[in-house]
Amino acid sequence: MKAKPIIVASALLVIGGACLYAFQAPTVTISPAMPSTIYVNSTTTVTITAHITDSLVIPNGVNLVQTNPLTGSETVVGSLNANGQTFTIRFQPVTTAPILFSYQVSAAFRGLLQRSLSLPITVAVAPLGVVLPPDPGPAGLQILAGIDSDGDGVRDDEQRWIGITYHSSAKTRAALTQAAIALEHEVVGAASSYQPLSNAIDCMNFTLMTGPADVSGGANALKTYVALRTLVLNTPARANAFFQANSQFGSGVRVSTPYSQKAAKCTINPSQFPN
């Protein structure tokens, strides 16, 4: 009987005379953009810096990639300039409308077929007068609670997404803020029941629907909630904590709230906003 070959993950694979490292890819560390918030119709230079300590990095093979977290599409913005272990790029995002850009640094290494990617950072293009917290960058992914620099109960990355994505509707921002706080409480173990999140979902439905028969508005509310929840649960640890907390509330029957009563579930009265 022939012995089956054993593949050792940490071994070096030799192909065509080149050594291909089979162990963990080298790390690319990225810092938050400076500045991480710019404004529409302005010409602002943004600086993004990465640090790569691995000596096998190819200096002219380090690129800034603009990514779309929803579609997975990638666009190369340009190459970073090397100065020792520090790599920098300066560029001017061009847009006439509010948007939240997501960026990662992609680096090539000698002897490696696969490039290494940094964690993502964001650059917000905000309407004039809108104040957003700075992008927490990779540091915001390190602990369950993330970074909430203004202490409003919403992580800075969530606040930036809500503020830019729904910049034209104060009602929607208020409803999503309520939902983000409820989701966060479940993630960090501060929720004692499912009710706060249920109330927040009812508030979102009321805010994004024009009436009980508004099927498209209901579908939009569900889509918006799923997008928000995906952002809140953006690490395996956060997703696990949320679903563990949610499972402890039981699987009892939850009665649907009539549309006429959904507004009462909002922590901030939607009628006080003009839009």
Protein backbone atom coordinates (compact mmCIF):
# COMPACT_ATOMS: atom_id res chain seq x y z
CA MET A 1 0.00 0.00 0.00
CA LYS A 2 1.33 3.42 -0.93
CA ALA A 3 1.63 5.98 1.83
CA LYS A 4 -0.46 9.09 1.28
CA PRO A 5 1.54 12.30 0.98
CA ILE A 6 1.35 14.66 3.95
CA ILE A 7 1.19 18.40 3.28
CA VAL A 8 2.76 20.52 6.00
CA ALA A 9 1.22 24.01 5.99
CA SER A 10 4.32 25.72 7.31
CA ALA A 11 6.69 24.18 4.77
CA LEU A 12 8.24 26.08 1.89
CA LEU A 13 6.95 25.07 -1.52
CA VAL A 14 9.52 25.21 -4.32
CA ILE A 15 8.07 25.89 -7.75
CA GLY A 16 10.31 26.68 -10.70
CA GLY A 17 13.18 27.48 -8.39
CA ALA A 18 11.23 30.12 -6.45
CA CYS A 19 10.30 29.70 -2.79
CA LEU A 20 6.63 30.28 -2.08
CA TYR A 21 5.80 30.88 1.56
CA ALA A 22 2.81 28.77 2.63
CA PHE A 23 2.45 30.26 6.09
CA GLN A 24 0.52 33.35 7.11
CA ALA A 25 0.80 36.25 4.70
CA PRO A 26 2.81 39.31 5.77
CA THR A 27 0.92 42.06 7.59
CA VAL A 28 0.07 45.41 6.04
CA THR A 29 -0.79 48.00 8.71
CA ILE A 30 -2.83 51.01 7.63
CA SER A 31 -3.48 54.25 9.52
CA PRO A 32 -6.69 56.32 9.32
CA ALA A 33 -6.69 58.81 6.46
CA MET A 34 -5.68 62.39 7.16
CA PRO A 35 -8.21 63.96 7.06
CA SER A 36 -10.85 61.23 7.20
CA THR A 37 -13.71 63.67 6.47
CA ILE A 38 -13.76 66.10 3.56
CA TYR A 39 -16.61 68.11 2.03
CA VAL A 40 -18.46 68.09 -1.27
CA ASN A 41 -17.32 70.43 -4.04
CA SER A 42 -14.01 71.05 -2.29
CA THR A 43 -10.49 70.18 -3.38
CA THR A 44 -8.87 68.45 -0.44
CA THR A 45 -5.71 66.36 -0.44
CA VAL A 46 -6.03 63.16 1.57
CA THR A 47 -2.97 61.31 2.87
CA ILE A 48 -3.02 57.58 3.54
CA THR A 49 -0.08 55.84 5.18
CA ALA A 50 0.76 52.15 5.56
CA HIS A 51 3.56 50.37 7.39
CA ILE A 52 5.11 47.12 6.15
CA THR A 53 7.98 45.58 8.07
CA ASP A 54 8.49 42.46 5.95
CA SER A 55 11.69 42.80 3.90
CA LEU A 56 10.21 40.81 1.02
CA VAL A 57 7.77 43.60 0.12
CA ILE A 58 8.09 44.84 -3.46
CA PRO A 59 8.44 48.65 -3.08
CA ASN A 60 6.62 49.51 -6.30
CA GLY A 61 3.97 46.86 -5.71
CA VAL A 62 2.04 48.60 -2.92
CA ASN A 63 -1.30 50.00 -4.12
CA LEU A 64 -4.24 51.87 -2.66
CA VAL A 65 -7.49 50.11 -3.54
CA GLN A 66 -10.95 51.66 -3.32
CA THR A 67 -13.43 48.96 -2.33
CA ASN A 68 -17.18 48.56 -2.29
CA PRO A 69 -18.08 46.45 0.78
CA LEU A 70 -21.52 45.61 -0.67
CA THR A 71 -20.48 44.44 -4.15
CA GLY A 72 -16.87 43.43 -3.47
CA SER A 73 -15.64 45.50 -6.44
CA GLU A 74 -12.16 47.03 -6.30
CA THR A 75 -10.52 49.96 -8.09
CA VAL A 76 -6.82 50.79 -7.87
CA VAL A 77 -6.41 54.47 -6.94
CA GLY A 78 -2.62 54.57 -7.29
CA SER A 79 0.71 53.34 -5.94
CA LEU A 80 2.12 54.30 -2.55
CA ASN A 81 5.59 55.83 -2.34
CA ALA A 82 8.10 53.92 -0.22
CA ASN A 83 10.28 55.47 2.47
CA GLY A 84 11.83 52.58 4.34
CA GLN A 85 8.99 50.66 5.99
CA THR A 86 6.53 53.54 5.51
CA PHE A 87 4.39 53.83 2.39
CA THR A 88 2.38 56.96 1.59
CA ILE A 89 -0.03 58.20 -1.04
CA ARG A 90 -1.62 61.63 -1.41
CA PHE A 91 -4.68 62.09 -3.62
CA GLN A 92 -7.85 64.14 -4.01
CA PRO A 93 -11.13 62.19 -3.95
CA VAL A 94 -13.43 63.66 -6.57
CA THR A 95 -17.18 63.65 -6.00
CA THR A 96 -20.01 66.17 -6.03
CA ALA A 97 -22.28 64.10 -3.76
CA PRO A 98 -21.93 62.82 -0.19
CA ILE A 99 -20.37 59.36 -0.09
CA LEU A 100 -18.38 57.12 2.22
CA PHE A 101 -15.30 55.78 0.43
CA SER A 102 -13.64 52.60 1.72
CA TYR A 103 -9.94 51.98 1.11
CA GLN A 104 -7.42 49.20 1.67
CA VAL A 105 -3.72 48.90 0.91
CA SER A 106 -2.71 45.91 -1.23
CA ALA A 107 0.94 44.83 -1.20
CA ALA A 108 2.95 42.35 -3.27
CA PHE A 109 5.84 40.33 -1.80
CA ARG A 110 8.69 38.46 -3.44
CA GLY A 111 8.05 34.72 -3.55
CA LEU A 112 4.34 35.09 -2.80
CA LEU A 113 1.60 34.64 -5.37
CA GLN A 114 -1.10 36.26 -3.22
CA ARG A 115 -1.04 39.92 -2.24
CA SER A 116 -1.62 41.03 1.34
CA LEU A 117 -4.49 43.39 2.18
CA SER A 118 -4.70 45.84 5.06
CA LEU A 119 -7.85 46.28 7.10
CA PRO A 120 -10.23 48.90 5.64
CA ILE A 121 -10.39 52.60 6.44
CA THR A 122 -12.90 55.21 5.26
CA VAL A 123 -12.95 58.73 3.89
CA ALA A 124 -16.30 60.51 4.26
CA VAL A 125 -17.33 63.15 1.74
CA ALA A 126 -19.89 65.09 3.76
CA PRO A 127 -22.31 67.94 2.99
CA LEU A 128 -21.12 71.34 4.18
CA GLY A 129 -21.86 71.89 7.85
CA VAL A 130 -22.15 68.20 8.75
CA VAL A 131 -19.87 67.21 11.62
CA LEU A 132 -18.75 63.58 11.80
CA PRO A 133 -16.41 61.78 14.20
CA PRO A 134 -13.05 60.77 12.74
CA ASP A 135 -12.66 57.34 11.18
CA PRO A 136 -11.48 54.99 13.96
CA GLY A 137 -9.65 52.85 11.41
CA PRO A 138 -8.41 49.36 12.35
CA ALA A 139 -8.34 50.34 16.05
CA GLY A 140 -12.14 50.38 15.96
CA LEU A 141 -12.18 46.66 15.20
CA GLN A 142 -10.12 45.51 18.17
CA ILE A 143 -12.79 45.31 20.91
CA LEU A 144 -16.52 44.54 20.95
CA ALA A 145 -17.56 48.07 21.89
CA GLY A 146 -15.37 49.69 19.24
CA ILE A 147 -14.70 53.43 19.48
CA ASP A 148 -17.40 55.97 20.38
CA SER A 149 -15.46 59.22 20.67
CA ASP A 150 -18.48 61.45 21.39
CA GLY A 151 -20.16 59.05 23.83
CA ASP A 152 -23.56 59.01 22.10
CA GLY A 153 -23.88 55.21 22.28
CA VAL A 154 -23.13 54.70 18.58
CA ARG A 155 -19.72 53.58 17.33
CA ASP A 156 -17.91 56.18 15.24
CA ASP A 157 -17.87 53.97 12.13
CA GLU A 158 -21.64 53.47 12.40
CA GLN A 159 -22.25 57.17 12.96
CA ARG A 160 -20.22 58.05 9.87
CA TRP A 161 -22.14 55.56 7.72
CA ILE A 162 -25.54 56.74 8.95
CA GLY A 163 -24.61 60.42 8.57
CA ILE A 164 -23.39 60.06 4.99
CA THR A 165 -25.76 57.41 3.63
CA TYR A 166 -28.87 59.16 4.95
CA HIS A 167 -27.64 62.76 4.98
CA SER A 168 -30.88 64.06 3.43
CA SER A 169 -33.28 62.63 6.05
CA ALA A 170 -33.07 63.53 9.73
CA LYS A 171 -35.96 61.14 10.46
CA THR A 172 -34.11 58.19 8.97
CA ARG A 173 -30.89 59.09 10.77
CA ALA A 174 -32.77 59.21 14.09
CA ALA A 175 -34.43 55.84 13.45
CA LEU A 176 -31.13 54.20 12.45
CA THR A 177 -29.37 55.70 15.46
CA GLN A 178 -31.99 54.11 17.72
CA ALA A 179 -31.49 50.76 15.96
CA ALA A 180 -27.69 51.04 16.15
CA ILE A 181 -27.83 51.66 19.90
CA ALA A 182 -30.14 48.67 20.40
CA LEU A 183 -27.89 46.42 18.32
CA GLU A 184 -24.81 47.64 20.20
CA HIS A 185 -26.42 46.85 23.54
CA GLU A 186 -26.92 43.25 22.45
CA VAL A 187 -23.33 43.01 21.18
CA VAL A 188 -21.77 44.21 24.43
CA GLY A 189 -24.23 42.39 26.69
CA ALA A 190 -26.05 45.50 27.93
CA ALA A 191 -29.50 44.43 26.70
CA SER A 192 -31.82 42.64 29.13
CA SER A 193 -34.46 41.79 26.52
CA TYR A 194 -35.19 41.89 22.81
CA GLN A 195 -37.72 44.72 23.27
CA PRO A 196 -35.42 47.72 22.59
CA LEU A 197 -34.37 46.24 19.25
CA SER A 198 -37.97 45.33 18.42
CA ASN A 199 -38.99 48.93 19.16
CA ALA A 200 -36.19 50.23 16.96
CA ILE A 201 -37.25 48.02 14.06
CA ASP A 202 -40.85 49.24 14.43
CA CYS A 203 -39.57 52.82 14.39
CA MET A 204 -37.59 52.16 11.20
CA ASN A 205 -40.68 50.65 9.57
CA PHE A 206 -42.78 53.67 10.48
CA THR A 207 -40.12 56.11 9.29
CA LEU A 208 -39.47 54.45 5.92
CA MET A 209 -43.08 53.54 5.12
CA THR A 210 -45.83 55.92 4.07
CA GLY A 211 -48.59 53.70 5.45
CA PRO A 212 -49.57 50.12 6.24
CA ALA A 213 -50.00 49.28 2.54
CA ASP A 214 -46.59 50.62 1.49
CA VAL A 215 -44.98 47.32 0.48
CA SER A 216 -41.94 48.93 -1.18
CA GLY A 217 -41.33 51.07 1.91
CA GLY A 218 -41.47 47.97 4.10
CA ALA A 219 -38.98 46.22 1.83
CA ASN A 220 -36.71 49.26 1.96
CA ALA A 221 -36.91 49.30 5.77
CA LEU A 222 -35.86 45.65 5.91
CA LYS A 223 -33.00 46.24 3.48
CA THR A 224 -31.83 49.25 5.48
CA TYR A 225 -31.94 47.32 8.75
CA VAL A 226 -29.95 44.42 7.26
CA ALA A 227 -27.31 46.85 5.96
CA LEU A 228 -27.04 48.48 9.39
CA ARG A 229 -26.83 45.14 11.18
CA THR A 230 -24.10 44.00 8.78
CA LEU A 231 -22.08 47.09 9.67
CA VAL A 232 -22.62 46.65 13.41
CA LEU A 233 -21.62 42.97 13.28
CA ASN A 234 -18.50 43.58 11.19
CA THR A 235 -16.20 41.21 13.09
CA PRO A 236 -16.66 37.52 13.98
CA ALA A 237 -16.52 38.40 17.69
CA ARG A 238 -19.33 40.95 17.36
CA ALA A 239 -21.51 38.60 15.32
CA ASN A 240 -21.02 35.78 17.82
CA ALA A 241 -21.77 38.05 20.79
CA PHE A 242 -24.95 39.36 19.14
CA PHE A 243 -26.38 35.95 18.24
CA GLN A 244 -25.51 34.51 21.64
CA ALA A 245 -27.28 37.39 23.37
CA ASN A 246 -30.25 37.15 21.03
CA SER A 247 -30.62 33.41 21.64
CA GLN A 248 -31.02 34.01 25.38
CA PHE A 249 -34.16 36.06 24.86
CA GLY A 250 -36.01 32.93 23.75
CA SER A 251 -37.96 32.14 20.62
CA GLY A 252 -41.42 33.13 21.82
CA VAL A 253 -44.04 34.56 19.49
CA ARG A 254 -43.59 38.28 18.88
CA VAL A 255 -46.79 40.10 17.96
CA SER A 256 -46.53 42.49 15.02
CA THR A 257 -47.13 46.13 15.90
CA PRO A 258 -49.93 47.84 13.91
CA TYR A 259 -48.58 50.63 11.70
CA SER A 260 -50.59 53.25 13.63
CA GLN A 261 -48.69 52.33 16.81
CA LYS A 262 -45.18 52.11 15.37
CA ALA A 263 -44.37 55.81 15.82
CA ALA A 264 -44.80 55.41 19.57
CA LYS A 265 -41.88 52.97 19.54
CA CYS A 266 -39.45 55.71 18.45
CA THR A 267 -37.28 57.23 21.17
CA ILE A 268 -37.39 60.52 19.23
CA ASN A 269 -40.71 61.64 17.73
CA PRO A 270 -40.28 61.52 13.91
CA SER A 271 -42.77 64.38 13.47
CA GLN A 272 -40.32 66.86 14.96
CA PHE A 273 -38.11 66.60 11.88
CA PRO A 274 -38.87 68.40 8.61
CA ASN A 275 -37.56 65.54 6.46
